[in-house]
Each structure stands twice: as structure tokens, then as C-alpha cells.
Amino acid sequence: MRVLLILTAISFLSMSPAYANMRVVSKDLVAGKSMAMDQVFDKFGCQGKNISPELAWSGAPQGTKSFAIMAYDPDAPTGSGWWHWVVFNIPASTTKILTDASRNGGLPPGSIQGRTDFGTTTYGGACPPLGHGVHHYQFIVYALSVARLTFGDTLLDSNTPAAMIGFVVHANALDSASIEATYKR
């Protein structure tokens, strides 16, 4: 019985994200380092350029039918964090999103940008409250088991809030990889 439990635990752990093969890199973001002004918001007192970062990934598992990108600040003083960018239905053949793809039409055909907490459907850069300390910005690429995100029988679209997209992404995630940058004012 003890051997069976150990084998079951090993089997379960081998499927967990701790053993994930996906990797994500960016020429615009350095893990653990402060974001450049290019990726900082350009409103609310922030004076960045609001340019979405380049993201490149590899190691997606077999059976991946699409990807999603979710950029999130868990340190935002809202009680629920802050969604900065949400892109889904990215074709499975995609392995890279170019710098400024959010607003220059550079996303792959079929990709959809969902509604962020800025109330827009494009990338919204870092802009923590003045004096609030260092915020951590997580850029997560998810490999998904479905080609199109749906909630029940409803296709998600650009009006769908980030939290709902996140719920559906997590329900269909095969693997994920992330890069985290910081910023403070």
C-alpha cells in the first residue's frame, strides 16, 4: 500500500507545473529587474511609452491547441491585483509575440485581446501608486488544450473581463511559463 501511495504521488508530481517544460524569455523584460520606460503606462501620472513587451516561448506540450498571455500585478492595492494585458486564442503555431504587438496589429490572426483593468483591450503598462513600493509584474504564457476559449457555449471576446478569461485559461491550461519584472514610482 505504501509503495502504491508513493508511486501515485510521484505520478501526480510529474504532471505538476514544477516539472513544466515551457520556458518564456523576453528581450524587453529582465526577470527580477525593473521594467524599462517603454513598458510603463503613459497615463495616471506615469510617463512611459506603454509598449507591450516581446515574449518568446518554447517547450509547449503535445496537444497544445492555442496560447494565452496574461500580465498581472498581484501587488496592486485593489484586493484582487490588476490585469495589465490579456491575449487569448493565439494560434498553436505561434512561439513569439513582437514588441508593441498589442497596438500595432502585430498579434497573430485570430488572437483576441480581452478587457484589462484599465478598461481597454490593449496592453496597459506598469503604473503603481506613487510611493507604494516595488510591484511585481507577471507575464505568463499558457499552453491551452482548446483552440478557442469558451465559457459554456459562449465564445469569449474582447469585451470579456480578464478575471473570466483567467478562469477559463486555468481550466484549460496544459502548461505555463512566466517572467516577472518589477517597477516602482
N, C-alpha and C. Protein backbone atom coordinates (compact mmCIF):
# COMPACT_ATOMS: atom_id res chain seq x y z
N MET A 1 0.83 -1.20 0.00
CA MET A 1 0.00 0.00 0.00
C MET A 1 0.87 1.26 0.00
N ARG A 2 1.92 1.28 0.82
CA ARG A 2 2.79 2.44 0.91
C ARG A 2 3.48 2.68 -0.44
N VAL A 3 3.92 1.61 -1.11
CA VAL A 3 4.56 1.73 -2.42
C VAL A 3 3.58 2.33 -3.43
N LEU A 4 2.33 1.90 -3.39
CA LEU A 4 1.30 2.42 -4.30
C LEU A 4 1.09 3.91 -4.06
N LEU A 5 1.05 4.35 -2.81
CA LEU A 5 0.89 5.76 -2.50
C LEU A 5 2.08 6.57 -3.00
N ILE A 6 3.27 6.05 -2.82
CA ILE A 6 4.46 6.76 -3.29
C ILE A 6 4.46 6.87 -4.81
N LEU A 7 4.13 5.78 -5.50
CA LEU A 7 4.07 5.82 -6.96
C LEU A 7 2.99 6.78 -7.44
N THR A 8 1.86 6.82 -6.76
CA THR A 8 0.79 7.74 -7.12
C THR A 8 1.26 9.18 -6.93
N ALA A 9 1.94 9.46 -5.82
CA ALA A 9 2.45 10.81 -5.56
C ALA A 9 3.47 11.22 -6.62
N ILE A 10 4.37 10.32 -6.97
CA ILE A 10 5.37 10.62 -8.00
C ILE A 10 4.69 10.91 -9.33
N SER A 11 3.70 10.11 -9.67
CA SER A 11 2.96 10.30 -10.92
C SER A 11 2.27 11.66 -10.93
N PHE A 12 1.63 12.04 -9.81
CA PHE A 12 0.96 13.32 -9.72
C PHE A 12 1.96 14.46 -9.83
N LEU A 13 3.07 14.37 -9.12
CA LEU A 13 4.07 15.43 -9.14
C LEU A 13 4.68 15.62 -10.52
N SER A 14 4.81 14.55 -11.28
CA SER A 14 5.40 14.68 -12.61
C SER A 14 4.50 15.45 -13.55
N MET A 15 3.21 15.59 -13.21
CA MET A 15 2.28 16.35 -14.04
C MET A 15 2.13 17.79 -13.54
N SER A 16 2.72 18.12 -12.42
CA SER A 16 2.54 19.44 -11.84
C SER A 16 3.41 20.47 -12.55
N PRO A 17 3.06 21.77 -12.42
CA PRO A 17 3.84 22.82 -13.07
C PRO A 17 5.30 22.86 -12.64
N ALA A 18 5.64 22.30 -11.48
CA ALA A 18 7.03 22.29 -11.04
C ALA A 18 7.92 21.51 -12.02
N TYR A 19 7.33 20.65 -12.82
CA TYR A 19 8.06 19.86 -13.80
C TYR A 19 7.76 20.31 -15.22
N ALA A 20 7.30 21.52 -15.35
CA ALA A 20 6.92 22.04 -16.65
C ALA A 20 8.14 22.18 -17.57
N ASN A 21 7.91 22.00 -18.84
CA ASN A 21 8.97 22.14 -19.84
C ASN A 21 8.95 23.49 -20.54
N MET A 22 7.85 24.23 -20.43
CA MET A 22 7.76 25.51 -21.11
C MET A 22 8.74 26.51 -20.51
N ARG A 23 9.22 27.39 -21.39
CA ARG A 23 10.09 28.49 -20.99
C ARG A 23 9.63 29.74 -21.74
N VAL A 24 9.78 30.89 -21.10
CA VAL A 24 9.47 32.16 -21.76
C VAL A 24 10.64 33.11 -21.51
N VAL A 25 10.99 33.84 -22.56
CA VAL A 25 12.05 34.84 -22.49
C VAL A 25 11.55 36.12 -23.16
N SER A 26 12.28 37.21 -22.90
CA SER A 26 11.91 38.49 -23.49
C SER A 26 13.14 39.35 -23.65
N LYS A 27 13.25 40.01 -24.80
CA LYS A 27 14.34 40.97 -24.97
C LYS A 27 13.98 42.30 -24.29
N ASP A 28 12.71 42.47 -23.92
CA ASP A 28 12.24 43.72 -23.32
C ASP A 28 12.12 43.67 -21.80
N LEU A 29 12.06 42.48 -21.23
CA LEU A 29 11.92 42.31 -19.79
C LEU A 29 13.07 41.46 -19.27
N VAL A 30 13.62 41.85 -18.13
CA VAL A 30 14.66 41.06 -17.48
C VAL A 30 14.07 40.56 -16.17
N ALA A 31 14.05 39.26 -15.99
CA ALA A 31 13.46 38.66 -14.79
C ALA A 31 14.07 39.26 -13.53
N GLY A 32 13.19 39.73 -12.64
CA GLY A 32 13.61 40.27 -11.36
C GLY A 32 14.12 41.70 -11.41
N LYS A 33 14.17 42.29 -12.59
CA LYS A 33 14.69 43.65 -12.74
C LYS A 33 13.56 44.62 -13.07
N SER A 34 13.84 45.91 -12.91
CA SER A 34 12.85 46.94 -13.17
C SER A 34 12.56 47.06 -14.66
N MET A 35 11.28 47.29 -14.97
CA MET A 35 10.87 47.50 -16.37
C MET A 35 11.48 48.78 -16.92
N ALA A 36 11.74 48.77 -18.20
CA ALA A 36 12.16 49.97 -18.91
C ALA A 36 10.95 50.88 -19.08
N MET A 37 11.19 52.15 -19.32
CA MET A 37 10.09 53.10 -19.52
C MET A 37 9.23 52.73 -20.72
N ASP A 38 9.76 51.96 -21.65
CA ASP A 38 8.96 51.52 -22.79
C ASP A 38 7.74 50.72 -22.34
N GLN A 39 7.86 49.94 -21.27
CA GLN A 39 6.77 49.09 -20.80
C GLN A 39 5.94 49.73 -19.68
N VAL A 40 6.22 50.98 -19.34
CA VAL A 40 5.49 51.71 -18.30
C VAL A 40 4.31 52.44 -18.95
N PHE A 41 3.21 52.54 -18.21
CA PHE A 41 1.98 53.19 -18.69
C PHE A 41 2.24 54.66 -19.03
N ASP A 42 1.36 55.23 -19.83
CA ASP A 42 1.53 56.61 -20.28
C ASP A 42 0.41 57.54 -19.81
N LYS A 43 -0.29 57.16 -18.72
CA LYS A 43 -1.35 57.99 -18.14
C LYS A 43 -1.31 57.84 -16.62
N PHE A 44 -2.25 58.46 -15.92
CA PHE A 44 -2.38 58.36 -14.46
C PHE A 44 -1.11 58.83 -13.75
N GLY A 45 -0.40 59.78 -14.34
CA GLY A 45 0.82 60.29 -13.74
C GLY A 45 2.07 59.52 -14.13
N CYS A 46 1.92 58.44 -14.84
CA CYS A 46 3.07 57.68 -15.33
C CYS A 46 3.47 58.22 -16.70
N GLN A 47 4.74 58.22 -16.99
CA GLN A 47 5.22 58.85 -18.22
C GLN A 47 6.02 57.90 -19.09
N GLY A 48 5.55 56.65 -19.18
CA GLY A 48 6.20 55.67 -20.03
C GLY A 48 5.69 55.74 -21.45
N LYS A 49 6.06 54.73 -22.23
CA LYS A 49 5.64 54.67 -23.63
C LYS A 49 4.51 53.66 -23.86
N ASN A 50 4.20 52.85 -22.84
CA ASN A 50 3.09 51.90 -22.90
C ASN A 50 3.21 50.93 -24.08
N ILE A 51 4.39 50.38 -24.26
CA ILE A 51 4.67 49.45 -25.34
C ILE A 51 4.66 48.03 -24.79
N SER A 52 3.85 47.16 -25.37
CA SER A 52 3.82 45.77 -24.92
C SER A 52 5.16 45.09 -25.21
N PRO A 53 5.62 44.25 -24.28
CA PRO A 53 6.93 43.62 -24.47
C PRO A 53 6.90 42.45 -25.45
N GLU A 54 8.06 42.19 -26.01
CA GLU A 54 8.26 40.98 -26.80
C GLU A 54 8.28 39.80 -25.83
N LEU A 55 7.64 38.72 -26.21
CA LEU A 55 7.66 37.48 -25.44
C LEU A 55 7.89 36.33 -26.41
N ALA A 56 8.81 35.43 -26.07
CA ALA A 56 9.06 34.24 -26.90
C ALA A 56 9.05 33.03 -25.99
N TRP A 57 8.44 31.94 -26.47
CA TRP A 57 8.32 30.75 -25.63
C TRP A 57 8.64 29.49 -26.40
N SER A 58 8.95 28.46 -25.63
CA SER A 58 9.29 27.16 -26.21
C SER A 58 8.86 26.08 -25.22
N GLY A 59 8.87 24.84 -25.70
CA GLY A 59 8.59 23.70 -24.83
C GLY A 59 7.13 23.44 -24.54
N ALA A 60 6.23 23.92 -25.38
CA ALA A 60 4.80 23.66 -25.16
C ALA A 60 4.54 22.16 -25.29
N PRO A 61 3.65 21.63 -24.47
CA PRO A 61 3.38 20.19 -24.51
C PRO A 61 2.60 19.78 -25.76
N GLN A 62 2.72 18.50 -26.08
CA GLN A 62 1.91 17.94 -27.16
C GLN A 62 0.45 18.15 -26.82
N GLY A 63 -0.35 18.40 -27.82
CA GLY A 63 -1.77 18.61 -27.59
C GLY A 63 -2.13 20.07 -27.41
N THR A 64 -1.13 20.98 -27.45
CA THR A 64 -1.41 22.41 -27.33
C THR A 64 -2.18 22.87 -28.57
N LYS A 65 -3.33 23.50 -28.34
CA LYS A 65 -4.17 23.96 -29.45
C LYS A 65 -4.20 25.48 -29.57
N SER A 66 -3.77 26.19 -28.53
CA SER A 66 -3.65 27.64 -28.57
C SER A 66 -2.86 28.10 -27.36
N PHE A 67 -2.57 29.40 -27.34
CA PHE A 67 -1.86 30.01 -26.21
C PHE A 67 -2.64 31.21 -25.70
N ALA A 68 -2.36 31.58 -24.48
CA ALA A 68 -2.88 32.82 -23.90
C ALA A 68 -1.73 33.50 -23.16
N ILE A 69 -1.76 34.82 -23.14
CA ILE A 69 -0.82 35.61 -22.37
C ILE A 69 -1.63 36.42 -21.37
N MET A 70 -1.20 36.37 -20.12
CA MET A 70 -1.85 37.17 -19.09
C MET A 70 -0.77 37.92 -18.31
N ALA A 71 -0.90 39.24 -18.23
CA ALA A 71 0.04 40.07 -17.48
C ALA A 71 -0.71 40.66 -16.29
N TYR A 72 -0.11 40.48 -15.09
CA TYR A 72 -0.83 40.73 -13.86
C TYR A 72 0.10 41.33 -12.81
N ASP A 73 -0.42 42.26 -12.01
CA ASP A 73 0.29 42.84 -10.87
C ASP A 73 -0.43 42.42 -9.59
N PRO A 74 0.11 41.43 -8.86
CA PRO A 74 -0.54 40.99 -7.63
C PRO A 74 -0.41 41.99 -6.49
N ASP A 75 0.45 43.00 -6.63
CA ASP A 75 0.71 43.96 -5.56
C ASP A 75 -0.21 45.18 -5.61
N ALA A 76 -1.03 45.29 -6.64
CA ALA A 76 -1.93 46.44 -6.75
C ALA A 76 -2.87 46.47 -5.54
N PRO A 77 -3.07 47.65 -4.94
CA PRO A 77 -3.87 47.74 -3.73
C PRO A 77 -5.38 47.74 -4.01
N THR A 78 -5.84 46.66 -4.63
CA THR A 78 -7.26 46.57 -5.00
C THR A 78 -7.98 45.44 -4.27
N GLY A 79 -7.23 44.55 -3.65
CA GLY A 79 -7.82 43.36 -3.06
C GLY A 79 -7.85 42.20 -4.03
N SER A 80 -7.61 42.51 -5.32
CA SER A 80 -7.62 41.45 -6.33
C SER A 80 -6.52 41.61 -7.37
N GLY A 81 -5.56 42.49 -7.14
CA GLY A 81 -4.49 42.70 -8.11
C GLY A 81 -4.97 43.56 -9.28
N TRP A 82 -4.18 43.55 -10.36
CA TRP A 82 -4.50 44.39 -11.52
C TRP A 82 -4.08 43.67 -12.79
N TRP A 83 -5.02 43.52 -13.73
CA TRP A 83 -4.76 42.89 -15.03
C TRP A 83 -4.27 43.94 -16.01
N HIS A 84 -3.06 43.75 -16.53
CA HIS A 84 -2.43 44.71 -17.44
C HIS A 84 -2.55 44.31 -18.91
N TRP A 85 -2.70 43.02 -19.17
CA TRP A 85 -2.78 42.58 -20.58
C TRP A 85 -3.31 41.16 -20.60
N VAL A 86 -4.23 40.91 -21.52
CA VAL A 86 -4.81 39.58 -21.67
C VAL A 86 -4.98 39.32 -23.16
N VAL A 87 -4.30 38.29 -23.65
CA VAL A 87 -4.40 37.90 -25.07
C VAL A 87 -4.70 36.41 -25.10
N PHE A 88 -5.67 36.01 -25.89
CA PHE A 88 -6.01 34.58 -25.97
C PHE A 88 -6.36 34.20 -27.40
N ASN A 89 -6.57 32.90 -27.60
CA ASN A 89 -6.80 32.32 -28.93
C ASN A 89 -5.60 32.56 -29.85
N ILE A 90 -4.41 32.62 -29.26
CA ILE A 90 -3.18 32.74 -30.04
C ILE A 90 -2.93 31.38 -30.69
N PRO A 91 -2.79 31.30 -32.01
CA PRO A 91 -2.63 30.01 -32.68
C PRO A 91 -1.48 29.18 -32.11
N ALA A 92 -1.66 27.88 -32.09
CA ALA A 92 -0.68 26.95 -31.52
C ALA A 92 0.67 26.99 -32.25
N SER A 93 0.70 27.46 -33.48
CA SER A 93 1.95 27.55 -34.24
C SER A 93 2.81 28.75 -33.82
N THR A 94 2.27 29.62 -32.99
CA THR A 94 2.96 30.84 -32.56
C THR A 94 3.95 30.53 -31.44
N THR A 95 5.14 31.10 -31.52
CA THR A 95 6.12 30.95 -30.45
C THR A 95 6.71 32.30 -30.03
N LYS A 96 6.16 33.39 -30.58
CA LYS A 96 6.71 34.71 -30.26
C LYS A 96 5.67 35.79 -30.54
N ILE A 97 5.64 36.78 -29.66
CA ILE A 97 4.85 37.99 -29.86
C ILE A 97 5.86 39.13 -29.89
N LEU A 98 5.82 39.94 -30.91
CA LEU A 98 6.80 41.01 -31.08
C LEU A 98 6.51 42.21 -30.17
N THR A 99 7.53 43.01 -29.94
CA THR A 99 7.40 44.26 -29.19
C THR A 99 6.32 45.13 -29.84
N ASP A 100 5.45 45.69 -29.02
CA ASP A 100 4.36 46.60 -29.44
C ASP A 100 3.28 45.91 -30.27
N ALA A 101 3.21 44.60 -30.18
CA ALA A 101 2.18 43.86 -30.94
C ALA A 101 0.77 44.22 -30.48
N SER A 102 0.62 44.66 -29.26
CA SER A 102 -0.70 44.96 -28.71
C SER A 102 -1.44 46.05 -29.47
N ARG A 103 -0.72 47.06 -29.91
CA ARG A 103 -1.42 48.18 -30.53
C ARG A 103 -1.07 48.42 -31.99
N ASN A 104 -0.17 47.63 -32.54
CA ASN A 104 0.20 47.90 -33.94
C ASN A 104 -0.28 46.82 -34.90
N GLY A 105 -1.24 46.02 -34.46
CA GLY A 105 -1.76 44.97 -35.32
C GLY A 105 -0.81 43.80 -35.48
N GLY A 106 0.13 43.67 -34.57
CA GLY A 106 1.16 42.65 -34.70
C GLY A 106 0.82 41.30 -34.07
N LEU A 107 -0.37 41.15 -33.53
CA LEU A 107 -0.74 39.85 -32.97
C LEU A 107 -1.12 38.89 -34.09
N PRO A 108 -0.89 37.60 -33.91
CA PRO A 108 -1.24 36.62 -34.94
C PRO A 108 -2.74 36.64 -35.25
N PRO A 109 -3.11 36.37 -36.49
CA PRO A 109 -4.54 36.33 -36.86
C PRO A 109 -5.30 35.37 -35.95
N GLY A 110 -6.48 35.82 -35.51
CA GLY A 110 -7.33 35.02 -34.63
C GLY A 110 -7.13 35.33 -33.16
N SER A 111 -6.02 35.98 -32.82
CA SER A 111 -5.76 36.35 -31.42
C SER A 111 -6.75 37.43 -30.99
N ILE A 112 -7.15 37.37 -29.73
CA ILE A 112 -8.08 38.35 -29.17
C ILE A 112 -7.48 38.93 -27.90
N GLN A 113 -7.56 40.26 -27.77
CA GLN A 113 -7.17 40.92 -26.54
C GLN A 113 -8.42 41.18 -25.71
N GLY A 114 -8.42 40.69 -24.48
CA GLY A 114 -9.55 40.89 -23.58
C GLY A 114 -9.43 42.21 -22.84
N ARG A 115 -10.47 42.51 -22.08
CA ARG A 115 -10.54 43.78 -21.34
C ARG A 115 -9.62 43.75 -20.11
N THR A 116 -8.77 44.75 -19.99
CA THR A 116 -7.86 44.87 -18.84
C THR A 116 -8.54 45.69 -17.75
N ASP A 117 -7.85 45.84 -16.63
CA ASP A 117 -8.38 46.67 -15.55
C ASP A 117 -8.26 48.16 -15.85
N PHE A 118 -7.59 48.52 -16.92
CA PHE A 118 -7.59 49.91 -17.38
C PHE A 118 -8.87 50.20 -18.18
N GLY A 119 -9.65 49.16 -18.48
CA GLY A 119 -10.87 49.33 -19.25
C GLY A 119 -10.62 49.31 -20.74
N THR A 120 -9.44 48.88 -21.16
CA THR A 120 -9.09 48.82 -22.57
C THR A 120 -8.84 47.37 -22.99
N THR A 121 -8.66 47.17 -24.27
CA THR A 121 -8.33 45.84 -24.78
C THR A 121 -6.92 45.80 -25.35
N THR A 122 -6.09 46.71 -24.92
CA THR A 122 -4.68 46.70 -25.32
C THR A 122 -3.82 46.68 -24.07
N TYR A 123 -2.54 46.46 -24.26
CA TYR A 123 -1.58 46.44 -23.15
C TYR A 123 -1.64 47.73 -22.37
N GLY A 124 -1.61 47.62 -21.05
CA GLY A 124 -1.51 48.75 -20.16
C GLY A 124 -0.29 48.54 -19.27
N GLY A 125 0.69 49.38 -19.38
CA GLY A 125 1.95 49.19 -18.68
C GLY A 125 1.91 49.40 -17.19
N ALA A 126 3.06 49.22 -16.57
CA ALA A 126 3.22 49.37 -15.13
C ALA A 126 2.92 50.81 -14.72
N CYS A 127 2.21 50.97 -13.62
CA CYS A 127 1.92 52.31 -13.09
C CYS A 127 1.40 52.17 -11.65
N PRO A 128 2.26 51.70 -10.75
CA PRO A 128 1.80 51.54 -9.37
C PRO A 128 1.59 52.90 -8.72
N PRO A 129 0.79 52.94 -7.66
CA PRO A 129 0.61 54.21 -6.96
C PRO A 129 1.94 54.78 -6.48
N LEU A 130 2.08 56.08 -6.56
CA LEU A 130 3.28 56.77 -6.13
C LEU A 130 3.58 56.43 -4.67
N GLY A 131 4.81 56.01 -4.40
CA GLY A 131 5.22 55.70 -3.04
C GLY A 131 4.73 54.37 -2.49
N HIS A 132 4.14 53.53 -3.33
CA HIS A 132 3.58 52.25 -2.88
C HIS A 132 4.61 51.13 -2.85
N GLY A 133 5.83 51.42 -3.23
CA GLY A 133 6.88 50.41 -3.21
C GLY A 133 6.97 49.64 -4.51
N VAL A 134 7.77 48.59 -4.47
CA VAL A 134 8.01 47.76 -5.65
C VAL A 134 6.81 46.89 -5.94
N HIS A 135 6.39 46.88 -7.19
CA HIS A 135 5.32 45.98 -7.66
C HIS A 135 5.95 44.95 -8.59
N HIS A 136 5.36 43.77 -8.60
CA HIS A 136 5.85 42.65 -9.41
C HIS A 136 4.87 42.40 -10.55
N TYR A 137 5.39 42.39 -11.76
CA TYR A 137 4.56 42.23 -12.96
C TYR A 137 4.84 40.87 -13.57
N GLN A 138 3.84 40.01 -13.53
CA GLN A 138 3.97 38.64 -14.01
C GLN A 138 3.41 38.54 -15.42
N PHE A 139 4.25 38.11 -16.35
CA PHE A 139 3.84 37.86 -17.73
C PHE A 139 3.85 36.35 -17.91
N ILE A 140 2.66 35.76 -18.03
CA ILE A 140 2.52 34.31 -18.06
C ILE A 140 1.98 33.88 -19.41
N VAL A 141 2.66 32.92 -20.04
CA VAL A 141 2.18 32.33 -21.29
C VAL A 141 1.64 30.95 -20.94
N TYR A 142 0.41 30.69 -21.34
CA TYR A 142 -0.26 29.42 -21.08
C TYR A 142 -0.42 28.64 -22.38
N ALA A 143 -0.09 27.35 -22.34
CA ALA A 143 -0.41 26.42 -23.43
C ALA A 143 -1.78 25.84 -23.09
N LEU A 144 -2.70 25.89 -24.04
CA LEU A 144 -4.09 25.50 -23.77
C LEU A 144 -4.52 24.28 -24.58
N SER A 145 -5.46 23.56 -24.03
CA SER A 145 -5.97 22.34 -24.66
C SER A 145 -7.10 22.61 -25.65
N VAL A 146 -7.48 23.86 -25.80
CA VAL A 146 -8.56 24.25 -26.71
C VAL A 146 -8.06 25.33 -27.66
N ALA A 147 -8.64 25.37 -28.86
CA ALA A 147 -8.25 26.38 -29.85
C ALA A 147 -8.92 27.72 -29.60
N ARG A 148 -10.15 27.69 -29.08
CA ARG A 148 -10.94 28.90 -28.82
C ARG A 148 -11.48 28.83 -27.41
N LEU A 149 -11.35 29.93 -26.66
CA LEU A 149 -11.87 29.94 -25.30
C LEU A 149 -13.37 30.18 -25.29
N THR A 150 -14.05 29.34 -24.52
CA THR A 150 -15.49 29.47 -24.35
C THR A 150 -15.83 29.35 -22.87
N PHE A 151 -16.92 29.95 -22.50
CA PHE A 151 -17.49 29.79 -21.17
C PHE A 151 -18.88 29.20 -21.40
N GLY A 152 -19.01 27.90 -21.12
CA GLY A 152 -20.23 27.21 -21.52
C GLY A 152 -20.27 27.15 -23.03
N ASP A 153 -21.34 27.64 -23.62
CA ASP A 153 -21.44 27.65 -25.08
C ASP A 153 -21.18 29.03 -25.67
N THR A 154 -20.62 29.94 -24.86
CA THR A 154 -20.36 31.30 -25.31
C THR A 154 -18.88 31.50 -25.59
N LEU A 155 -18.55 31.93 -26.81
CA LEU A 155 -17.17 32.27 -27.15
C LEU A 155 -16.76 33.54 -26.41
N LEU A 156 -15.58 33.52 -25.81
CA LEU A 156 -15.08 34.73 -25.18
C LEU A 156 -14.61 35.71 -26.26
N ASP A 157 -14.77 37.00 -25.99
CA ASP A 157 -14.40 38.02 -26.97
C ASP A 157 -13.68 39.17 -26.29
N SER A 158 -13.47 40.26 -27.00
CA SER A 158 -12.70 41.39 -26.48
C SER A 158 -13.41 42.12 -25.34
N ASN A 159 -14.70 41.88 -25.16
CA ASN A 159 -15.43 42.50 -24.04
C ASN A 159 -15.37 41.68 -22.77
N THR A 160 -14.79 40.50 -22.83
CA THR A 160 -14.73 39.62 -21.67
C THR A 160 -13.72 40.15 -20.67
N PRO A 161 -14.12 40.26 -19.39
CA PRO A 161 -13.19 40.74 -18.38
C PRO A 161 -12.04 39.75 -18.14
N ALA A 162 -10.90 40.28 -17.73
CA ALA A 162 -9.70 39.47 -17.52
C ALA A 162 -9.92 38.34 -16.51
N ALA A 163 -10.67 38.60 -15.45
CA ALA A 163 -10.87 37.55 -14.43
C ALA A 163 -11.60 36.34 -15.02
N MET A 164 -12.58 36.56 -15.88
CA MET A 164 -13.29 35.44 -16.52
C MET A 164 -12.36 34.71 -17.48
N ILE A 165 -11.58 35.47 -18.24
CA ILE A 165 -10.62 34.85 -19.15
C ILE A 165 -9.64 34.00 -18.34
N GLY A 166 -9.16 34.54 -17.23
CA GLY A 166 -8.26 33.80 -16.37
C GLY A 166 -8.86 32.50 -15.87
N PHE A 167 -10.13 32.53 -15.52
CA PHE A 167 -10.82 31.33 -15.05
C PHE A 167 -10.83 30.27 -16.15
N VAL A 168 -11.18 30.66 -17.36
CA VAL A 168 -11.25 29.72 -18.48
C VAL A 168 -9.85 29.25 -18.89
N VAL A 169 -8.88 30.15 -18.86
CA VAL A 169 -7.50 29.78 -19.18
C VAL A 169 -7.01 28.71 -18.20
N HIS A 170 -7.20 28.95 -16.91
CA HIS A 170 -6.74 27.97 -15.91
C HIS A 170 -7.45 26.62 -16.06
N ALA A 171 -8.70 26.64 -16.45
CA ALA A 171 -9.45 25.39 -16.64
C ALA A 171 -8.95 24.58 -17.82
N ASN A 172 -8.26 25.23 -18.77
CA ASN A 172 -7.80 24.56 -19.98
C ASN A 172 -6.28 24.55 -20.15
N ALA A 173 -5.54 24.93 -19.11
CA ALA A 173 -4.09 25.02 -19.20
C ALA A 173 -3.43 23.65 -19.16
N LEU A 174 -2.54 23.42 -20.11
CA LEU A 174 -1.71 22.22 -20.13
C LEU A 174 -0.37 22.48 -19.45
N ASP A 175 0.11 23.72 -19.57
CA ASP A 175 1.40 24.10 -19.02
C ASP A 175 1.47 25.62 -19.07
N SER A 176 2.44 26.20 -18.39
CA SER A 176 2.64 27.65 -18.45
C SER A 176 4.09 27.96 -18.13
N ALA A 177 4.48 29.17 -18.49
CA ALA A 177 5.80 29.67 -18.16
C ALA A 177 5.65 31.17 -17.94
N SER A 178 6.50 31.73 -17.09
CA SER A 178 6.35 33.15 -16.80
C SER A 178 7.69 33.85 -16.66
N ILE A 179 7.61 35.15 -16.78
CA ILE A 179 8.74 36.03 -16.49
C ILE A 179 8.16 37.16 -15.65
N GLU A 180 8.87 37.55 -14.60
CA GLU A 180 8.38 38.59 -13.70
C GLU A 180 9.38 39.72 -13.65
N ALA A 181 8.89 40.93 -13.94
CA ALA A 181 9.69 42.15 -13.84
C ALA A 181 9.08 43.01 -12.74
N THR A 182 9.80 44.04 -12.33
CA THR A 182 9.32 44.90 -11.26
C THR A 182 9.26 46.36 -11.73
N TYR A 183 8.60 47.18 -10.92
CA TYR A 183 8.60 48.61 -11.17
C TYR A 183 8.08 49.31 -9.92
N LYS A 184 8.63 50.49 -9.63
CA LYS A 184 8.11 51.32 -8.54
C LYS A 184 8.25 52.79 -8.92
N ARG A 185 7.36 53.59 -8.31
CA ARG A 185 7.42 55.05 -8.52
C ARG A 185 7.72 55.71 -7.20
